């Protein structure tokens, strides 16, 4: 079945069943590999994308439920020439070790900063609490989000 999606500012058509997880369509059909397959149970956050600016776990989001909503993946947040402030801050803070969780962390943080441009450290920690990182770069991740908020005009 042909399904039309707005992804990273472009309308794309894919041949998929409506109950196919959005994550599978993004990775397998559209070759957007920023969102990662982690647990498939919404417990790790590696698959997080933005749907109309709100963080959503793509592993359990049926592609047929997206409709006319805009999907943004890590690839659509910024470009190589013009990184999003979160992407730049994560690089500057060296917040990634293995990098597997980072896309989900950045997308969740983008949602937070949209809703709260001046978060306190505790608010950043609370927003990212359901995103798992096994490498232990949590302190750098928190610093990166706070740095991005500051660079975006918050804090």
Protein backbone atom coordinates (compact mmCIF):
# COMPACT_ATOMS: atom_id res chain seq x y z
CA UNK A 1 0.00 0.00 0.00
CA UNK A 2 1.39 3.42 -0.91
CA UNK A 3 1.71 5.77 2.06
CA UNK A 4 2.69 9.41 1.72
CA UNK A 5 4.79 10.99 4.50
CA UNK A 6 6.25 14.41 5.17
CA UNK A 7 9.77 13.68 6.40
CA UNK A 8 12.43 16.33 6.97
CA UNK A 9 10.54 18.85 4.86
CA UNK A 10 9.95 16.60 1.84
CA UNK A 11 6.95 14.51 0.90
CA UNK A 12 7.94 10.90 0.36
CA UNK A 13 5.94 7.90 -0.75
CA UNK A 14 6.62 4.40 0.55
CA UNK A 15 5.08 1.02 -0.07
CA UNK A 16 4.22 -0.22 3.43
CA UNK A 17 1.38 -1.63 5.46
CA UNK A 18 -0.22 0.99 7.74
CA UNK A 19 0.77 -0.95 10.87
CA UNK A 20 4.47 -1.03 9.93
CA UNK A 21 6.51 0.78 12.59
CA UNK A 22 7.63 4.23 11.46
CA UNK A 23 11.18 3.27 12.48
CA UNK A 24 11.26 0.49 9.86
CA UNK A 25 10.04 2.84 7.13
CA UNK A 26 12.56 5.53 8.06
CA UNK A 27 15.51 3.15 8.14
CA UNK A 28 14.63 0.56 5.49
CA UNK A 29 12.64 2.51 2.93
CA UNK A 30 13.92 6.07 3.30
CA UNK A 31 17.49 5.19 4.35
CA UNK A 32 17.39 7.62 7.27
CA UNK A 33 19.47 5.83 9.86
CA UNK A 34 19.64 8.42 12.64
CA UNK A 35 16.86 6.78 14.63
CA UNK A 36 18.13 3.47 15.97
CA UNK A 37 16.44 0.17 16.72
CA UNK A 38 16.88 -0.40 20.43
CA UNK A 39 14.27 -2.24 22.46
CA UNK A 40 11.07 -1.97 20.35
CA UNK A 41 9.22 -1.41 23.65
CA UNK A 42 9.54 2.40 24.07
CA UNK A 43 11.94 1.84 26.95
CA UNK A 44 15.27 3.08 25.57
CA UNK A 45 14.57 6.12 23.37
CA UNK A 46 17.07 5.26 20.63
CA UNK A 47 14.30 5.48 18.01
CA UNK A 48 12.99 8.91 19.02
CA UNK A 49 11.95 11.28 16.24
CA UNK A 50 9.85 14.43 16.22
CA UNK A 51 6.27 14.37 14.96
CA UNK A 52 5.04 17.93 14.57
CA UNK A 53 7.86 18.93 16.92
CA UNK A 54 6.96 16.49 19.70
CA UNK A 55 9.21 13.57 20.64
CA UNK A 56 7.74 10.23 19.63
CA UNK A 57 9.10 6.69 19.79
CA UNK A 58 9.12 5.53 16.19
CA UNK A 59 9.48 1.85 17.09
CA UNK A 60 5.82 1.65 18.17
CA UNK A 61 4.33 4.38 15.98
CA UNK A 62 2.44 2.84 13.05
CA UNK A 63 3.38 4.62 9.84
CA UNK A 64 -0.32 4.75 8.96
CA UNK A 65 -0.99 6.94 12.01
CA UNK A 66 1.27 9.77 10.80
CA UNK A 67 -1.11 11.18 8.20
CA UNK A 68 -0.27 14.79 7.33
CA UNK A 69 1.99 15.26 10.35
CA UNK A 70 5.59 16.33 9.80
CA UNK A 71 8.27 13.84 10.85
CA UNK A 72 11.73 15.15 11.66
CA UNK A 73 14.68 12.83 12.13
CA UNK A 74 18.21 13.68 13.24
CA UNK A 75 19.11 14.08 9.56
CA UNK A 76 16.48 16.83 9.21
CA UNK A 77 17.36 18.75 12.36
CA UNK A 78 20.43 20.42 10.88
CA UNK A 79 22.84 20.06 7.98
CA UNK A 80 26.57 19.44 7.71
CA UNK A 81 26.98 23.10 6.77
CA UNK A 82 24.62 24.39 9.48
CA UNK A 83 24.35 22.13 12.48
CA UNK A 84 21.41 22.55 14.83
CA UNK A 85 22.65 24.08 18.12
CA UNK A 86 21.98 20.75 19.86
CA UNK A 87 24.11 18.86 17.35
CA UNK A 88 26.92 21.40 17.75
CA UNK A 89 26.70 21.32 21.55
CA UNK A 90 26.83 17.51 21.61
CA UNK A 91 29.99 17.66 19.50
CA UNK A 92 31.52 20.46 21.57
CA UNK A 93 30.82 18.59 24.83
CA UNK A 94 31.98 15.28 23.33
CA UNK A 95 28.71 13.85 24.58
CA UNK A 96 28.82 10.69 22.48
CA UNK A 97 30.94 7.68 23.21
CA UNK A 98 29.44 4.88 21.14
CA UNK A 99 26.76 7.24 19.80
CA UNK A 100 23.91 4.74 19.67
CA UNK A 101 21.62 6.70 22.01
CA UNK A 102 22.60 10.18 20.86
CA UNK A 103 20.01 10.63 18.11
CA UNK A 104 17.23 9.87 20.57
CA UNK A 105 18.81 12.12 23.19
CA UNK A 106 19.08 15.01 20.73
CA UNK A 107 15.54 14.60 19.43
CA UNK A 108 14.13 14.40 22.95
CA UNK A 109 16.16 17.47 23.91
CA UNK A 110 14.85 19.33 20.83
CA UNK A 111 11.32 18.70 22.05
CA UNK A 112 12.26 19.91 25.55
CA UNK A 113 13.91 23.10 24.29
CA UNK A 114 10.92 23.86 22.08
CA UNK A 115 8.61 23.63 25.09
CA UNK A 116 11.06 25.08 27.62
CA UNK A 117 13.87 27.18 26.12
CA UNK A 118 15.41 27.81 29.54
CA UNK A 119 15.41 24.45 31.33
CA UNK A 120 17.16 23.92 34.61
CA UNK A 121 19.51 20.98 34.98
CA UNK A 122 16.86 18.99 36.86
CA UNK A 123 14.37 19.57 34.04
CA UNK A 124 16.88 18.31 31.45
CA UNK A 125 17.53 15.22 33.55
CA UNK A 126 13.80 14.58 33.91
CA UNK A 127 13.17 15.02 30.17
CA UNK A 128 15.96 12.58 29.28
CA UNK A 129 15.28 10.08 32.07
CA UNK A 130 13.63 7.57 29.73
CA UNK A 131 16.47 7.70 27.20
CA UNK A 132 19.05 5.08 28.08
CA UNK A 133 22.79 5.47 27.62
CA UNK A 134 25.03 2.56 28.51
CA UNK A 135 28.30 4.41 27.88
CA UNK A 136 28.01 6.71 30.84
CA UNK A 137 28.22 10.09 29.11
CA UNK A 138 25.19 11.36 31.02
CA UNK A 139 26.97 14.38 32.50
CA UNK A 140 28.24 15.45 29.07
CA UNK A 141 24.78 14.98 27.58
CA UNK A 142 23.22 17.21 30.25
CA UNK A 143 25.94 19.84 29.69
CA UNK A 144 25.34 19.69 25.93
CA UNK A 145 21.61 20.33 26.30
CA UNK A 146 22.21 23.23 28.68
CA UNK A 147 24.87 24.64 26.31
CA UNK A 148 22.46 24.40 23.37
CA UNK A 149 19.75 26.17 25.39
CA UNK A 150 22.18 28.97 26.14
CA UNK A 151 23.31 29.19 22.50
CA UNK A 152 19.69 29.27 21.35
CA UNK A 153 18.95 32.24 23.59
CA UNK A 154 17.75 30.41 26.69
CA UNK A 155 19.46 30.32 30.10
